[in-house]
Amino acid sequence: MPENPEFGFALAWASHYVLDTIPHYDYNIDNFYNKDENTVNSIFQNTKARLNFLTIGLDFFVGLVICFLLFVRHRQSLILTAVGILGGILPDILQFIYLKFKNQPWIFFQKIHDFFHNPDKMKDRQVKGVLIQIFVVIVFIITFFFGKIAKQEQIINLCIKKNWKII
């Protein structure tokens, strides 16, 4: 985990676009937007939008819990984790802002999002899309923990080499 919150934010933001290149399931957000009127539907007036918003919110909450359980050990890691989460979801937040305003600079950010996003949104293969996402998360978690173990082994080997006592 980077020691620098700005770098962590930028890395998380960029990783969103990298991960968007992998085919995955996207929530249907079509009911958030009224194409006939070119406006954003109020989630308070549209039952489908309200249900999708709750589903997205639940997914976000579960993701938050997992991130905090995996990464937060002290105040510094709490801040870095929160900044990383914000950077990681920012492209999707910008997409909702774009749907509301459809002007610059939001058009620019939407073009970046569209450029990187895999065109296969797997709307007709939800299970496969979700399984791909779960696989990517598992690979990340395994990589994270093996990296952590390798770093601990390096520290232990350094201590042994320097004849330092390990408590």
Foldseek 3Di string as FASTA:
>chain_A
DDLDLVVLLQVLLVVLLVVLLDAAADQDQVQQADPVVLAGDDLVVDVVNVVSVVVVVVVLVVVVVVLCVQFDDDDSSVSSSVSSSCSNCVLVVLQVVCSHPVDPPSVVSVVSSVVRHHPNNCPVPNVVRVVVVVVVVVVVSVVVVVVVVVVVVVVVVVCVVVVHDDD
